[in-house]
C-alpha atoms as a PDB file:
ATOM      1  CA  MET A   1     -33.251  66.644 185.672  1.00  0.00           C
ATOM      2  CA  THR A   2     -36.701  65.956 187.066  1.00  0.00           C
ATOM      3  CA  PRO A   3     -38.459  62.560 187.127  1.00  0.00           C
ATOM      4  CA  SER A   4     -40.768  63.850 184.359  1.00  0.00           C
ATOM      5  CA  ASP A   5     -37.768  64.824 182.238  1.00  0.00           C
ATOM      6  CA  ARG A   6     -36.307  61.337 182.719  1.00  0.00           C
ATOM      7  CA  VAL A   7     -39.503  59.607 181.573  1.00  0.00           C
ATOM      8  CA  THR A   8     -39.978  62.035 178.668  1.00  0.00           C
ATOM      9  CA  GLN A   9     -36.489  61.285 177.372  1.00  0.00           C
ATOM     10  CA  PHE A  10     -36.898  57.541 177.944  1.00  0.00           C
ATOM     11  CA  VAL A  11     -40.212  57.157 176.091  1.00  0.00           C
ATOM     12  CA  ALA A  12     -38.934  59.300 173.199  1.00  0.00           C
ATOM     13  CA  SER A  13     -35.783  57.175 172.910  1.00  0.00           C
ATOM     14  CA  MET A  14     -37.744  53.936 173.162  1.00  0.00           C
ATOM     15  CA  ALA A  15     -40.367  55.000 170.588  1.00  0.00           C
ATOM     16  CA  ASP A  16     -37.574  55.947 168.170  1.00  0.00           C
ATOM     17  CA  TRP A  17     -35.836  52.614 168.853  1.00  0.00           C
ATOM     18  CA  GLU A  18     -39.089  50.721 168.230  1.00  0.00           C
ATOM     19  CA  ARG A  19     -39.706  52.478 164.902  1.00  0.00           C
ATOM     20  CA  LYS A  20     -36.179  51.789 163.625  1.00  0.00           C
ATOM     21  CA  THR A  21     -36.069  48.192 164.863  1.00  0.00           C
ATOM     22  CA  TYR A  22     -39.548  47.415 163.549  1.00  0.00           C
ATOM     23  CA  SER A  23     -38.447  48.668 160.139  1.00  0.00           C
ATOM     24  CA  VAL A  24     -35.398  46.372 160.169  1.00  0.00           C
ATOM     25  CA  MET A  25     -37.419  43.381 161.354  1.00  0.00           C
ATOM     26  CA  THR A  26     -40.144  43.818 158.718  1.00  0.00           C
ATOM     27  CA  SER A  27     -37.910  44.722 155.762  1.00  0.00           C
ATOM     28  CA  GLY A  28     -38.722  41.511 153.886  1.00  0.00           C
ATOM     29  CA  SER A  29     -35.952  39.093 154.759  1.00  0.00           C
ATOM     30  CA  VAL A  30     -35.498  37.591 158.202  1.00  0.00           C
ATOM     31  CA  PRO A  31     -32.801  39.675 159.903  1.00  0.00           C
ATOM     32  CA  GLY A  32     -29.847  37.845 161.380  1.00  0.00           C
ATOM     33  CA  GLU A  33     -27.790  38.769 164.411  1.00  0.00           C
ATOM     34  CA  GLN A  34     -25.578  41.038 162.293  1.00  0.00           C
ATOM     35  CA  GLU A  35     -28.593  43.154 161.286  1.00  0.00           C
ATOM     36  CA  LEU A  36     -29.993  43.162 164.827  1.00  0.00           C
ATOM     37  CA  ALA A  37     -26.741  43.905 166.686  1.00  0.00           C
ATOM     38  CA  PRO A  38     -27.066  47.699 166.253  1.00  0.00           C
ATOM     39  CA  ALA A  39     -30.630  47.583 167.661  1.00  0.00           C
ATOM     40  CA  ARG A  40     -29.466  45.573 170.670  1.00  0.00           C
ATOM     41  CA  ALA A  41     -26.531  47.973 171.258  1.00  0.00           C
ATOM     42  CA  SER A  42     -28.834  50.983 170.998  1.00  0.00           C
ATOM     43  CA  LEU A  43     -31.219  49.425 173.507  1.00  0.00           C
ATOM     44  CA  HIS A  44     -28.334  48.833 175.935  1.00  0.00           C
ATOM     45  CA  THR A  45     -27.415  52.520 175.645  1.00  0.00           C
ATOM     46  CA  ILE A  46     -30.990  53.636 176.352  1.00  0.00           C
ATOM     47  CA  TYR A  47     -31.233  51.306 179.361  1.00  0.00           C
ATOM     48  CA  ASP A  48     -27.880  52.399 180.792  1.00  0.00           C
ATOM     49  CA  GLU A  49     -28.922  56.030 180.600  1.00  0.00           C
ATOM     50  CA  HIS A  50     -32.452  55.799 181.988  1.00  0.00           C
ATOM     51  CA  LEU A  51     -32.949  52.656 184.130  1.00  0.00           C
ATOM     52  CA  THR A  52     -31.812  51.392 187.521  1.00  0.00           C
ATOM     53  CA  GLU A  53     -29.810  48.165 187.659  1.00  0.00           C
ATOM     54  CA  ARG A  54     -32.879  46.390 189.048  1.00  0.00           C
ATOM     55  CA  ALA A  55     -35.018  47.607 186.127  1.00  0.00           C
ATOM     56  CA  LYS A  56     -32.460  46.289 183.619  1.00  0.00           C
ATOM     57  CA  GLY A  57     -32.775  42.775 185.059  1.00  0.00           C
ATOM     58  CA  PRO A  58     -34.229  39.779 183.211  1.00  0.00           C
ATOM     59  CA  GLU A  59     -37.576  40.051 185.030  1.00  0.00           C
ATOM     60  CA  LYS A  60     -38.124  43.572 183.724  1.00  0.00           C
ATOM     61  CA  TRP A  61     -36.810  45.471 180.682  1.00  0.00           C
ATOM     62  CA  GLY A  62     -33.833  43.109 180.353  1.00  0.00           C
ATOM     63  CA  MET A  63     -36.050  40.502 178.713  1.00  0.00           C
ATOM     64  CA  ARG A  64     -36.435  42.839 175.735  1.00  0.00           C
ATOM     65  CA  LEU A  65     -32.685  42.614 175.076  1.00  0.00           C
ATOM     66  CA  THR A  66     -33.166  38.964 174.167  1.00  0.00           C
ATOM     67  CA  ALA A  67     -36.515  39.142 172.409  1.00  0.00           C
ATOM     68  CA  LEU A  68     -36.146  42.538 170.660  1.00  0.00           C
ATOM     69  CA  ALA A  69     -39.908  43.033 170.428  1.00  0.00           C
ATOM     70  CA  PRO A  70     -40.747  46.345 168.768  1.00  0.00           C
ATOM     71  CA  SER A  71     -44.357  47.090 167.944  1.00  0.00           C
ATOM     72  CA  SER A  72     -46.232  49.278 165.504  1.00  0.00           C
ATOM     73  CA  PRO A  73     -47.510  51.650 166.628  1.00  0.00           C
ATOM     74  CA  PRO A  74     -44.710  51.833 169.184  1.00  0.00           C
ATOM     75  CA  GLN A  75     -45.661  50.813 172.717  1.00  0.00           C
ATOM     76  CA  TYR A  76     -43.632  53.780 173.948  1.00  0.00           C
ATOM     77  CA  ASP A  77     -45.459  56.381 171.832  1.00  0.00           C
ATOM     78  CA  GLN A  78     -46.752  57.986 175.016  1.00  0.00           C
ATOM     79  CA  GLU A  79     -47.493  61.426 176.399  1.00  0.00           C
ATOM     80  CA  LEU A  80     -47.054  62.411 180.021  1.00  0.00           C
ATOM     81  CA  THR A  81     -50.234  63.207 181.911  1.00  0.00           C
ATOM     82  CA  GLY A  82     -48.964  64.053 185.392  1.00  0.00           C
ATOM     83  CA  THR A  83     -46.897  63.164 188.418  1.00  0.00           C
ATOM     84  CA  GLU A  84     -47.718  61.833 191.870  1.00  0.00           C
ATOM     85  CA  ASP A  85     -45.767  61.482 195.071  1.00  0.00           C
ATOM     86  CA  GLY A  86     -44.418  57.994 195.669  1.00  0.00           C
ATOM     87  CA  PRO A  87     -44.476  56.046 198.931  1.00  0.00           C
ATOM     88  CA  LYS A  88     -41.303  57.813 200.130  1.00  0.00           C
ATOM     89  CA  PRO A  89     -39.519  61.084 199.290  1.00  0.00           C
ATOM     90  CA  SER A  90     -36.996  59.396 196.979  1.00  0.00           C
ATOM     91  CA  VAL A  91     -39.749  57.961 194.723  1.00  0.00           C
ATOM     92  CA  ALA A  92     -42.029  59.766 192.274  1.00  0.00           C
ATOM     93  CA  TYR A  93     -44.673  58.347 189.973  1.00  0.00           C
ATOM     94  CA  VAL A  94     -44.796  59.762 186.460  1.00  0.00           C
ATOM     95  CA  LEU A  95     -48.042  59.066 184.631  1.00  0.00           C
ATOM     96  CA  ALA A  96     -48.375  58.649 180.878  1.00  0.00           C
ATOM     97  CA  ARG A  97     -50.950  57.607 178.309  1.00  0.00           C
ATOM     98  CA  HIS A  98     -50.453  55.846 174.987  1.00  0.00           C
ATOM     99  CA  ARG A  99     -51.091  58.260 172.101  1.00  0.00           C
ATOM    100  CA  VAL A 100     -52.991  55.728 169.954  1.00  0.00           C
ATOM    101  CA  ALA A 101     -54.403  53.195 172.434  1.00  0.00           C
ATOM    102  CA  THR A 102     -55.648  55.962 174.718  1.00  0.00           C
ATOM    103  CA  HIS A 103     -57.292  53.484 177.111  1.00  0.00           C
ATOM    104  CA  LYS A 104     -53.791  52.421 178.258  1.00  0.00           C
ATOM    105  CA  SER A 105     -52.246  54.406 181.087  1.00  0.00           C
ATOM    106  CA  TYR A 106     -48.750  53.917 182.465  1.00  0.00           C
ATOM    107  CA  ARG A 107     -47.190  54.695 185.834  1.00  0.00           C
ATOM    108  CA  TYR A 108     -43.403  54.925 185.922  1.00  0.00           C
ATOM    109  CA  SER A 109     -41.697  54.621 189.310  1.00  0.00           C
ATOM    110  CA  VAL A 110     -38.729  56.969 189.280  1.00  0.00           C
ATOM    111  CA  VAL A 111     -36.205  56.757 192.107  1.00  0.00           C
ATOM    112  CA  LEU A 112     -33.302  58.985 193.028  1.00  0.00           C
ATOM    113  CA  ASP A 113     -29.959  57.199 193.059  1.00  0.00           C
ATOM    114  CA  ALA A 114     -27.221  57.910 195.626  1.00  0.00           C
ATOM    115  CA  LYS A 115     -26.123  60.978 193.623  1.00  0.00           C
ATOM    116  CA  GLY A 116     -29.677  62.339 193.342  1.00  0.00           C
ATOM    117  CA  LYS A 117     -30.051  61.295 189.689  1.00  0.00           C
ATOM    118  CA  PRO A 118     -33.601  60.172 188.805  1.00  0.00           C
ATOM    119  CA  LEU A 119     -33.762  56.707 187.205  1.00  0.00           C
ATOM    120  CA  ILE A 120     -36.743  54.598 186.172  1.00  0.00           C
ATOM    121  CA  ASP A 121     -37.177  51.550 188.398  1.00  0.00           C
ATOM    122  CA  ASP A 122     -40.550  50.107 187.380  1.00  0.00           C
ATOM    123  CA  ILE A 123     -43.592  50.553 185.168  1.00  0.00           C
ATOM    124  CA  ARG A 124     -47.213  49.587 185.749  1.00  0.00           C
ATOM    125  CA  VAL A 125     -50.107  49.686 183.310  1.00  0.00           C
ATOM    126  CA  ALA A 126     -53.861  50.208 183.671  1.00  0.00           C
ATOM    127  CA  TYR A 127     -55.931  49.000 180.733  1.00  0.00           C
ATOM    128  CA  VAL A 128     -59.032  51.050 181.559  1.00  0.00           C
ATOM    129  CA  GLU A 129     -59.450  54.569 182.915  1.00  0.00           C
ATOM    130  CA  GLY A 130     -59.114  54.407 186.684  1.00  0.00           C
ATOM    131  CA  GLY A 131     -58.264  50.692 186.603  1.00  0.00           C
ATOM    132  CA  ASP A 132     -55.846  48.893 188.883  1.00  0.00           C
ATOM    133  CA  TRP A 133     -52.134  49.175 188.140  1.00  0.00           C
ATOM    134  CA  LYS A 134     -50.863  45.837 186.809  1.00  0.00           C
ATOM    135  CA  ARG A 135     -47.348  44.644 186.152  1.00  0.00           C
ATOM    136  CA  CYS A 136     -46.409  45.808 182.680  1.00  0.00           C
ATOM    137  CA  PRO A 137     -45.038  43.313 180.136  1.00  0.00           C
ATOM    138  CA  TYR A 138     -42.183  45.790 179.507  1.00  0.00           C
END
């Protein structure tokens, strides 16, 4: 699997998760933990498959496990636009753009683990074409 493959699978899984969870959360009645438990479990599965341990921490994607914050249109409805070399051979940057809010660009840092498996370690966002990469609110 390439770093691009990893990000492609991750954003597809996350966009699907956002659509399903948004539907549950906006179905009319306020969902309780019983209704949200499957969404939280699904998110854990996505994270375990695609993210490093560091990326799953509370300062990064881990915060979403508590808040369960899907959006419409999904934040992760993105298309890949390219790849760049990272600062060292074990890091690649995979670039993406939001399909609806096309002014938003994303840069995923993908690292190779000890077994050579690519995992997402970080994400940065630029809010204007050619803008500076800022910490993403995950």
